[in-house]
Amino acid sequence: MVKPPVSLVSLLVALCPLVAAEPVAVRATPVPLNPTDLRQRVVGRLEYRGGLQLVSDHPRFGGISAIRLLPDGERLAAITDEGSWLSARLVLRDGRLVGVREVEMGPLLGPDGKPPEGKDSRDAESLERLKDGSFMVGFEREHRILRYPAGTGRCPKLATKSLSLTKSWRMRNW
């Protein structure tokens, strides 16, 4: 039996089923590598495969802090400064990025299963997908790292005490 690919949407909805994904209309405009030479696609050994400017009228859309390509290479996961997660399917044409579709958003929930109150509590800045499919989300202002476990039906938890930053934490601990 072949398992269907798991998206960030299904992972986060499974974690805290009280908050559902919301479809979001997004307009994508291709961005050239070099606006003065639209044919340029290579810089050194790197080949530019496309860039996009994303715009939406949705009130929570914007302020994207981190983006990760999911292992299937067809979807992205992102987080925002306002404490939302976003998932989208990439649209490729001739191997080049030309748009996104199936865009969905929802609030990043706290360990209590509720969206955090206030900008300081929901300012997500970093995102990493672990090998087990869970996501680590780092927050600034109220410094913490939450782990959103894959397919467990649980809300996020602080990653570990050693990753929870406190006032006594010093840069020399790096």
N, C-alpha and C. Protein backbone atom coordinates (compact mmCIF):
# COMPACT_ATOMS: atom_id res chain seq x y z
N MET A 1 0.84 -1.18 0.00
CA MET A 1 0.00 0.00 0.00
C MET A 1 0.89 1.25 0.00
N VAL A 2 0.64 2.19 -0.91
CA VAL A 2 1.41 3.41 -1.02
C VAL A 2 0.71 4.50 -0.22
N LYS A 3 1.48 5.17 0.64
CA LYS A 3 0.90 6.25 1.43
C LYS A 3 0.88 7.53 0.61
N PRO A 4 -0.21 8.33 0.71
CA PRO A 4 -0.24 9.60 0.01
C PRO A 4 0.73 10.58 0.67
N PRO A 5 1.26 11.57 -0.08
CA PRO A 5 2.16 12.53 0.53
C PRO A 5 1.44 13.32 1.62
N VAL A 6 2.16 13.64 2.67
CA VAL A 6 1.59 14.39 3.79
C VAL A 6 2.00 15.84 3.63
N SER A 7 1.05 16.74 3.66
CA SER A 7 1.36 18.16 3.53
C SER A 7 1.43 18.80 4.91
N LEU A 8 1.98 19.99 4.95
CA LEU A 8 2.03 20.75 6.20
C LEU A 8 0.61 20.97 6.72
N VAL A 9 -0.32 21.21 5.82
CA VAL A 9 -1.71 21.45 6.22
C VAL A 9 -2.23 20.26 7.02
N SER A 10 -2.11 19.06 6.48
CA SER A 10 -2.64 17.90 7.19
C SER A 10 -1.88 17.65 8.48
N LEU A 11 -0.58 17.95 8.50
CA LEU A 11 0.19 17.77 9.73
C LEU A 11 -0.32 18.70 10.83
N LEU A 12 -0.47 19.97 10.50
CA LEU A 12 -0.87 20.93 11.53
C LEU A 12 -2.33 20.76 11.90
N VAL A 13 -3.20 20.45 10.96
CA VAL A 13 -4.61 20.23 11.29
C VAL A 13 -4.73 19.00 12.18
N ALA A 14 -3.94 17.97 11.90
CA ALA A 14 -3.98 16.77 12.73
C ALA A 14 -3.49 17.06 14.14
N LEU A 15 -2.57 18.00 14.28
CA LEU A 15 -2.02 18.31 15.59
C LEU A 15 -3.08 18.92 16.51
N CYS A 16 -3.83 19.85 16.01
CA CYS A 16 -4.82 20.56 16.81
C CYS A 16 -6.07 20.72 15.97
N PRO A 17 -6.94 19.73 15.94
CA PRO A 17 -8.06 19.73 15.00
C PRO A 17 -9.10 20.81 15.23
N LEU A 18 -8.98 21.63 16.27
CA LEU A 18 -9.95 22.69 16.49
C LEU A 18 -9.80 23.84 15.50
N VAL A 19 -8.63 23.97 14.86
CA VAL A 19 -8.37 25.05 13.92
C VAL A 19 -8.14 24.43 12.55
N ALA A 20 -9.01 24.74 11.60
CA ALA A 20 -8.91 24.16 10.26
C ALA A 20 -8.12 25.08 9.33
N ALA A 21 -7.62 24.48 8.27
CA ALA A 21 -6.94 25.25 7.23
C ALA A 21 -7.95 26.11 6.50
N GLU A 22 -7.51 27.27 6.06
CA GLU A 22 -8.37 28.18 5.33
C GLU A 22 -7.75 28.43 3.96
N PRO A 23 -8.49 28.21 2.87
CA PRO A 23 -7.94 28.51 1.54
C PRO A 23 -7.69 30.01 1.40
N VAL A 24 -6.62 30.36 0.70
CA VAL A 24 -6.24 31.76 0.52
C VAL A 24 -5.97 32.00 -0.96
N ALA A 25 -6.59 33.02 -1.53
CA ALA A 25 -6.33 33.40 -2.91
C ALA A 25 -5.03 34.20 -2.97
N VAL A 26 -4.08 33.73 -3.77
CA VAL A 26 -2.77 34.38 -3.89
C VAL A 26 -2.48 34.62 -5.37
N ARG A 27 -2.00 35.83 -5.67
CA ARG A 27 -1.55 36.16 -7.02
C ARG A 27 -0.03 36.09 -7.03
N ALA A 28 0.52 35.39 -8.01
CA ALA A 28 1.97 35.22 -8.12
C ALA A 28 2.46 35.88 -9.40
N THR A 29 3.46 36.75 -9.26
CA THR A 29 4.07 37.41 -10.40
C THR A 29 5.52 36.94 -10.49
N PRO A 30 5.94 36.39 -11.63
CA PRO A 30 7.34 35.97 -11.78
C PRO A 30 8.30 37.15 -11.60
N VAL A 31 9.42 36.87 -10.96
CA VAL A 31 10.46 37.86 -10.72
C VAL A 31 11.72 37.39 -11.44
N PRO A 32 12.27 38.19 -12.35
CA PRO A 32 13.49 37.77 -13.06
C PRO A 32 14.71 37.85 -12.16
N LEU A 33 15.71 37.08 -12.49
CA LEU A 33 16.99 37.15 -11.77
C LEU A 33 17.62 38.52 -11.95
N ASN A 34 17.61 39.00 -13.18
CA ASN A 34 18.24 40.28 -13.52
C ASN A 34 17.25 41.11 -14.33
N PRO A 35 16.62 42.11 -13.72
CA PRO A 35 15.62 42.91 -14.43
C PRO A 35 16.15 43.63 -15.68
N THR A 36 17.46 43.86 -15.75
CA THR A 36 18.03 44.53 -16.92
C THR A 36 18.43 43.56 -18.02
N ASP A 37 18.46 42.25 -17.70
CA ASP A 37 18.76 41.22 -18.71
C ASP A 37 17.86 40.02 -18.41
N LEU A 38 16.66 40.03 -18.98
CA LEU A 38 15.66 39.00 -18.68
C LEU A 38 16.09 37.61 -19.12
N ARG A 39 17.08 37.50 -19.99
CA ARG A 39 17.55 36.19 -20.46
C ARG A 39 18.55 35.55 -19.49
N GLN A 40 19.12 36.35 -18.58
CA GLN A 40 20.11 35.80 -17.66
C GLN A 40 19.47 34.80 -16.72
N ARG A 41 20.03 33.59 -16.66
CA ARG A 41 19.50 32.54 -15.78
C ARG A 41 20.61 31.86 -14.97
N VAL A 42 21.86 32.29 -15.17
CA VAL A 42 22.98 31.64 -14.50
C VAL A 42 23.84 32.69 -13.81
N VAL A 43 24.25 32.38 -12.58
CA VAL A 43 25.23 33.17 -11.84
C VAL A 43 26.24 32.18 -11.31
N GLY A 44 27.45 32.26 -11.83
CA GLY A 44 28.47 31.28 -11.44
C GLY A 44 28.00 29.88 -11.83
N ARG A 45 27.97 28.98 -10.86
CA ARG A 45 27.52 27.61 -11.11
C ARG A 45 26.04 27.41 -10.79
N LEU A 46 25.37 28.48 -10.39
CA LEU A 46 23.96 28.37 -10.01
C LEU A 46 23.04 28.73 -11.17
N GLU A 47 22.00 27.92 -11.37
CA GLU A 47 20.97 28.21 -12.37
C GLU A 47 19.72 28.69 -11.65
N TYR A 48 19.26 29.87 -12.04
CA TYR A 48 18.04 30.46 -11.48
C TYR A 48 16.84 29.76 -12.11
N ARG A 49 15.98 29.18 -11.27
CA ARG A 49 14.83 28.43 -11.77
C ARG A 49 13.52 29.13 -11.49
N GLY A 50 13.59 30.37 -11.03
CA GLY A 50 12.39 31.17 -10.86
C GLY A 50 12.23 31.79 -9.50
N GLY A 51 11.59 32.91 -9.48
CA GLY A 51 11.25 33.61 -8.25
C GLY A 51 9.86 34.19 -8.41
N LEU A 52 9.19 34.43 -7.30
CA LEU A 52 7.83 34.93 -7.34
C LEU A 52 7.61 36.05 -6.34
N GLN A 53 6.81 37.02 -6.73
CA GLN A 53 6.26 37.98 -5.78
C GLN A 53 4.84 37.51 -5.51
N LEU A 54 4.53 37.24 -4.23
CA LEU A 54 3.22 36.73 -3.84
C LEU A 54 2.42 37.84 -3.18
N VAL A 55 1.16 38.00 -3.62
CA VAL A 55 0.28 39.05 -3.11
C VAL A 55 -1.08 38.43 -2.83
N SER A 56 -1.70 38.87 -1.73
CA SER A 56 -3.05 38.40 -1.39
C SER A 56 -3.79 39.50 -0.65
N ASP A 57 -5.11 39.49 -0.78
CA ASP A 57 -5.95 40.42 -0.03
C ASP A 57 -6.32 39.85 1.34
N HIS A 58 -5.93 38.63 1.62
CA HIS A 58 -6.26 38.00 2.90
C HIS A 58 -5.57 38.78 4.03
N PRO A 59 -6.29 39.10 5.11
CA PRO A 59 -5.72 39.94 6.17
C PRO A 59 -4.51 39.34 6.89
N ARG A 60 -4.38 38.02 6.94
CA ARG A 60 -3.24 37.41 7.63
C ARG A 60 -2.06 37.13 6.70
N PHE A 61 -2.24 37.32 5.40
CA PHE A 61 -1.17 37.00 4.46
C PHE A 61 -0.08 38.07 4.49
N GLY A 62 1.17 37.63 4.43
CA GLY A 62 2.31 38.56 4.38
C GLY A 62 3.25 38.33 5.54
N GLY A 63 4.36 39.02 5.50
CA GLY A 63 5.35 38.90 6.56
C GLY A 63 5.93 37.50 6.66
N ILE A 64 6.13 36.84 5.53
CA ILE A 64 6.66 35.47 5.55
C ILE A 64 8.10 35.51 6.06
N SER A 65 8.34 34.76 7.12
CA SER A 65 9.64 34.76 7.78
C SER A 65 10.53 33.61 7.34
N ALA A 66 9.94 32.47 7.04
CA ALA A 66 10.73 31.29 6.68
C ALA A 66 9.92 30.42 5.73
N ILE A 67 10.62 29.84 4.76
CA ILE A 67 9.99 28.94 3.78
C ILE A 67 10.84 27.69 3.68
N ARG A 68 10.20 26.54 3.63
CA ARG A 68 10.88 25.27 3.43
C ARG A 68 10.19 24.50 2.31
N LEU A 69 10.98 23.93 1.42
CA LEU A 69 10.46 23.04 0.40
C LEU A 69 10.27 21.68 1.04
N LEU A 70 9.10 21.08 0.87
CA LEU A 70 8.83 19.76 1.45
C LEU A 70 9.51 18.68 0.62
N PRO A 71 9.75 17.50 1.20
CA PRO A 71 10.52 16.45 0.53
C PRO A 71 9.99 16.02 -0.84
N ASP A 72 8.68 16.18 -1.08
CA ASP A 72 8.15 15.79 -2.39
C ASP A 72 8.58 16.75 -3.49
N GLY A 73 9.16 17.92 -3.11
CA GLY A 73 9.61 18.90 -4.08
C GLY A 73 8.48 19.64 -4.76
N GLU A 74 7.24 19.39 -4.34
CA GLU A 74 6.08 20.00 -4.99
C GLU A 74 5.34 20.99 -4.11
N ARG A 75 5.63 20.98 -2.81
CA ARG A 75 4.92 21.86 -1.88
C ARG A 75 5.92 22.64 -1.05
N LEU A 76 5.46 23.77 -0.53
CA LEU A 76 6.26 24.53 0.40
C LEU A 76 5.49 24.71 1.69
N ALA A 77 6.23 24.90 2.74
CA ALA A 77 5.68 25.23 4.06
C ALA A 77 6.32 26.54 4.47
N ALA A 78 5.55 27.41 5.09
CA ALA A 78 6.07 28.71 5.51
C ALA A 78 5.40 29.14 6.81
N ILE A 79 6.06 30.09 7.49
CA ILE A 79 5.50 30.70 8.69
C ILE A 79 5.59 32.21 8.54
N THR A 80 4.77 32.94 9.33
CA THR A 80 4.75 34.39 9.20
C THR A 80 5.04 35.08 10.53
N ASP A 81 5.37 36.37 10.41
CA ASP A 81 5.62 37.22 11.58
C ASP A 81 4.40 37.34 12.48
N GLU A 82 3.23 37.09 11.94
CA GLU A 82 1.99 37.24 12.71
C GLU A 82 1.48 35.91 13.26
N GLY A 83 2.32 34.87 13.23
CA GLY A 83 1.95 33.61 13.85
C GLY A 83 1.03 32.74 13.03
N SER A 84 1.19 32.75 11.72
CA SER A 84 0.42 31.87 10.86
C SER A 84 1.35 30.90 10.15
N TRP A 85 0.80 29.76 9.74
CA TRP A 85 1.51 28.84 8.86
C TRP A 85 0.84 28.92 7.50
N LEU A 86 1.58 28.57 6.48
CA LEU A 86 1.08 28.62 5.12
C LEU A 86 1.60 27.40 4.39
N SER A 87 0.78 26.83 3.52
CA SER A 87 1.18 25.71 2.69
C SER A 87 0.72 26.01 1.27
N ALA A 88 1.53 25.64 0.27
CA ALA A 88 1.16 25.88 -1.12
C ALA A 88 1.81 24.84 -2.01
N ARG A 89 1.16 24.56 -3.12
CA ARG A 89 1.72 23.68 -4.15
C ARG A 89 2.41 24.56 -5.18
N LEU A 90 3.64 24.19 -5.54
CA LEU A 90 4.39 24.95 -6.54
C LEU A 90 3.88 24.62 -7.94
N VAL A 91 3.85 25.63 -8.80
CA VAL A 91 3.49 25.43 -10.20
C VAL A 91 4.76 25.63 -11.03
N LEU A 92 5.16 24.56 -11.71
CA LEU A 92 6.36 24.60 -12.55
C LEU A 92 5.96 24.45 -14.02
N ARG A 93 6.68 25.15 -14.88
CA ARG A 93 6.50 25.00 -16.32
C ARG A 93 7.89 24.90 -16.93
N ASP A 94 8.14 23.80 -17.63
CA ASP A 94 9.45 23.56 -18.24
C ASP A 94 10.57 23.65 -17.18
N GLY A 95 10.27 23.15 -15.98
CA GLY A 95 11.26 23.14 -14.91
C GLY A 95 11.47 24.47 -14.22
N ARG A 96 10.66 25.47 -14.53
CA ARG A 96 10.80 26.80 -13.94
C ARG A 96 9.59 27.11 -13.06
N LEU A 97 9.84 27.76 -11.94
CA LEU A 97 8.78 28.17 -11.02
C LEU A 97 7.98 29.33 -11.64
N VAL A 98 6.66 29.13 -11.79
CA VAL A 98 5.82 30.18 -12.40
C VAL A 98 4.64 30.58 -11.53
N GLY A 99 4.37 29.85 -10.44
CA GLY A 99 3.24 30.21 -9.60
C GLY A 99 3.06 29.26 -8.43
N VAL A 100 1.98 29.48 -7.68
CA VAL A 100 1.57 28.62 -6.58
C VAL A 100 0.07 28.39 -6.68
N ARG A 101 -0.40 27.28 -6.13
CA ARG A 101 -1.83 27.00 -6.07
C ARG A 101 -2.09 26.22 -4.79
N GLU A 102 -3.35 25.98 -4.52
CA GLU A 102 -3.75 25.26 -3.30
C GLU A 102 -3.10 25.87 -2.05
N VAL A 103 -3.16 27.20 -1.98
CA VAL A 103 -2.59 27.92 -0.84
C VAL A 103 -3.58 27.86 0.32
N GLU A 104 -3.08 27.48 1.48
CA GLU A 104 -3.89 27.43 2.70
C GLU A 104 -3.10 28.03 3.85
N MET A 105 -3.84 28.60 4.80
CA MET A 105 -3.22 29.20 5.98
C MET A 105 -4.01 28.82 7.22
N GLY A 106 -3.33 28.96 8.35
CA GLY A 106 -3.97 28.77 9.64
C GLY A 106 -3.06 29.34 10.72
N PRO A 107 -3.57 29.52 11.92
CA PRO A 107 -2.74 30.05 13.01
C PRO A 107 -1.81 28.97 13.57
N LEU A 108 -0.59 29.37 13.93
CA LEU A 108 0.30 28.49 14.69
C LEU A 108 -0.25 28.46 16.11
N LEU A 109 -0.55 27.30 16.61
CA LEU A 109 -1.14 27.19 17.95
C LEU A 109 -0.06 27.01 19.00
N GLY A 110 -0.38 27.43 20.20
CA GLY A 110 0.52 27.24 21.33
C GLY A 110 0.30 25.88 21.98
N PRO A 111 1.10 25.54 22.98
CA PRO A 111 0.95 24.26 23.66
C PRO A 111 -0.43 24.04 24.28
N ASP A 112 -1.16 25.13 24.52
CA ASP A 112 -2.52 25.00 25.08
C ASP A 112 -3.57 24.77 23.99
N GLY A 113 -3.15 24.70 22.72
CA GLY A 113 -4.09 24.47 21.62
C GLY A 113 -4.78 25.72 21.11
N LYS A 114 -4.35 26.89 21.57
CA LYS A 114 -4.96 28.15 21.16
C LYS A 114 -3.91 29.03 20.49
N PRO A 115 -4.34 29.92 19.58
CA PRO A 115 -3.38 30.88 19.00
C PRO A 115 -2.86 31.80 20.10
N PRO A 116 -1.55 32.05 20.14
CA PRO A 116 -1.01 32.95 21.15
C PRO A 116 -1.59 34.36 21.01
N GLU A 117 -1.71 35.06 22.14
CA GLU A 117 -2.23 36.42 22.19
C GLU A 117 -1.08 37.41 22.03
N GLY A 118 -1.26 38.43 21.22
CA GLY A 118 -0.29 39.51 21.09
C GLY A 118 0.87 39.21 20.16
N LYS A 119 1.38 40.26 19.53
CA LYS A 119 2.48 40.16 18.56
C LYS A 119 3.71 39.49 19.17
N ASP A 120 4.06 39.84 20.39
CA ASP A 120 5.26 39.28 21.01
C ASP A 120 5.19 37.76 21.15
N SER A 121 4.01 37.22 21.31
CA SER A 121 3.84 35.78 21.49
C SER A 121 3.78 35.00 20.19
N ARG A 122 3.41 35.66 19.10
CA ARG A 122 3.22 34.89 17.86
C ARG A 122 4.22 35.20 16.76
N ASP A 123 5.27 35.95 17.05
CA ASP A 123 6.25 36.37 16.04
C ASP A 123 7.18 35.21 15.66
N ALA A 124 6.72 34.36 14.75
CA ALA A 124 7.50 33.20 14.29
C ALA A 124 8.56 33.66 13.30
N GLU A 125 9.77 33.14 13.43
CA GLU A 125 10.88 33.58 12.57
C GLU A 125 11.63 32.46 11.87
N SER A 126 11.63 31.26 12.41
CA SER A 126 12.42 30.21 11.78
C SER A 126 11.62 28.91 11.72
N LEU A 127 11.93 28.12 10.70
CA LEU A 127 11.19 26.89 10.44
C LEU A 127 12.14 25.83 9.93
N GLU A 128 12.05 24.65 10.50
CA GLU A 128 12.85 23.52 10.04
C GLU A 128 12.01 22.26 10.12
N ARG A 129 12.09 21.45 9.07
CA ARG A 129 11.39 20.16 9.06
C ARG A 129 12.39 19.08 9.44
N LEU A 130 12.06 18.28 10.43
CA LEU A 130 12.94 17.21 10.88
C LEU A 130 12.68 15.93 10.09
N LYS A 131 13.59 14.99 10.19
CA LYS A 131 13.49 13.74 9.44
C LYS A 131 12.20 12.97 9.72
N ASP A 132 11.67 13.11 10.93
CA ASP A 132 10.44 12.38 11.28
C ASP A 132 9.18 13.09 10.79
N GLY A 133 9.33 14.22 10.08
CA GLY A 133 8.19 14.95 9.54
C GLY A 133 7.67 16.05 10.45
N SER A 134 8.19 16.13 11.67
CA SER A 134 7.75 17.21 12.56
C SER A 134 8.43 18.51 12.15
N PHE A 135 7.89 19.62 12.65
CA PHE A 135 8.43 20.94 12.35
C PHE A 135 8.88 21.62 13.63
N MET A 136 10.03 22.27 13.57
CA MET A 136 10.51 23.12 14.66
C MET A 136 10.27 24.55 14.22
N VAL A 137 9.63 25.34 15.08
CA VAL A 137 9.36 26.74 14.79
C VAL A 137 9.98 27.58 15.89
N GLY A 138 10.85 28.50 15.49
CA GLY A 138 11.48 29.42 16.43
C GLY A 138 10.75 30.74 16.45
N PHE A 139 10.58 31.31 17.65
CA PHE A 139 9.87 32.57 17.82
C PHE A 139 10.84 33.59 18.41
N GLU A 140 10.70 34.86 17.96
CA GLU A 140 11.49 35.92 18.56
C GLU A 140 10.60 36.71 19.51
N ARG A 141 11.16 37.67 20.17
CA ARG A 141 10.50 38.47 21.20
C ARG A 141 10.25 37.63 22.44
N GLU A 142 9.28 36.72 22.43
CA GLU A 142 9.13 35.73 23.50
C GLU A 142 9.86 34.48 23.00
N HIS A 143 11.14 34.43 23.26
CA HIS A 143 12.03 33.44 22.67
C HIS A 143 11.68 32.02 23.11
N ARG A 144 11.40 31.19 22.11
CA ARG A 144 11.14 29.78 22.37
C ARG A 144 11.16 29.04 21.05
N ILE A 145 11.30 27.75 21.13
CA ILE A 145 11.22 26.88 19.96
C ILE A 145 10.15 25.84 20.26
N LEU A 146 9.16 25.75 19.38
CA LEU A 146 8.09 24.77 19.54
C LEU A 146 8.27 23.68 18.49
N ARG A 147 8.00 22.48 18.91
CA ARG A 147 8.04 21.35 17.99
C ARG A 147 6.61 20.91 17.70
N TYR A 148 6.26 20.93 16.43
CA TYR A 148 4.94 20.49 15.98
C TYR A 148 5.09 19.06 15.48
N PRO A 149 4.75 18.05 16.31
CA PRO A 149 4.96 16.65 15.93
C PRO A 149 4.10 16.25 14.74
N ALA A 150 4.64 15.40 13.89
CA ALA A 150 3.92 14.93 12.70
C ALA A 150 2.92 13.85 13.09
N GLY A 151 1.66 14.07 12.72
CA GLY A 151 0.63 13.05 12.82
C GLY A 151 0.37 12.48 14.19
N THR A 152 0.63 13.25 15.27
CA THR A 152 0.44 12.70 16.61
C THR A 152 -0.88 13.11 17.24
N GLY A 153 -1.56 14.10 16.65
CA GLY A 153 -2.79 14.58 17.26
C GLY A 153 -2.55 15.47 18.47
N ARG A 154 -1.28 15.86 18.70
CA ARG A 154 -0.96 16.71 19.85
C ARG A 154 -0.64 18.12 19.38
N CYS A 155 -0.86 19.06 20.27
CA CYS A 155 -0.45 20.43 20.02
C CYS A 155 1.05 20.53 20.28
N PRO A 156 1.68 21.63 19.83
CA PRO A 156 3.13 21.74 19.97
C PRO A 156 3.56 21.81 21.43
N LYS A 157 4.82 21.48 21.65
CA LYS A 157 5.43 21.57 22.97
C LYS A 157 6.76 22.28 22.82
N LEU A 158 7.25 22.85 23.91
CA LEU A 158 8.60 23.39 23.89
C LEU A 158 9.53 22.27 23.48
N ALA A 159 10.49 22.57 22.62
CA ALA A 159 11.37 21.54 22.09
C ALA A 159 12.09 20.79 23.21
N THR A 160 12.83 21.48 24.01
CA THR A 160 13.46 20.92 25.21
C THR A 160 13.80 22.10 26.11
N LYS A 161 14.07 21.84 27.37
CA LYS A 161 14.45 22.93 28.26
C LYS A 161 15.72 23.61 27.78
N SER A 162 16.64 22.85 27.19
CA SER A 162 17.90 23.45 26.75
C SER A 162 17.70 24.37 25.55
N LEU A 163 16.58 24.24 24.82
CA LEU A 163 16.32 25.12 23.69
C LEU A 163 15.45 26.31 24.07
N SER A 164 14.87 26.29 25.26
CA SER A 164 14.05 27.40 25.71
C SER A 164 14.98 28.47 26.26
N LEU A 165 15.01 29.63 25.60
CA LEU A 165 15.94 30.68 26.01
C LEU A 165 15.37 31.45 27.19
N THR A 166 16.22 31.77 28.14
CA THR A 166 15.81 32.52 29.32
C THR A 166 16.66 33.76 29.44
N LYS A 167 16.29 34.64 30.37
CA LYS A 167 17.06 35.87 30.57
C LYS A 167 18.50 35.57 30.99
N SER A 168 18.73 34.47 31.66
CA SER A 168 20.08 34.17 32.13
C SER A 168 20.95 33.51 31.06
N TRP A 169 20.34 33.18 29.93
CA TRP A 169 21.09 32.54 28.86
C TRP A 169 22.07 33.54 28.26
N ARG A 170 23.28 33.11 28.00
CA ARG A 170 24.32 33.99 27.47
C ARG A 170 24.80 33.50 26.12
N MET A 171 25.27 34.40 25.28
CA MET A 171 25.79 34.03 23.96
C MET A 171 26.96 33.05 24.07
N ARG A 172 27.70 33.08 25.15
CA ARG A 172 28.85 32.17 25.28
C ARG A 172 28.41 30.71 25.36
N ASN A 173 27.13 30.47 25.60
CA ASN A 173 26.63 29.09 25.66
C ASN A 173 26.54 28.46 24.28
N TRP A 174 26.76 29.22 23.22
CA TRP A 174 26.72 28.65 21.88
C TRP A 174 27.90 27.80 21.74
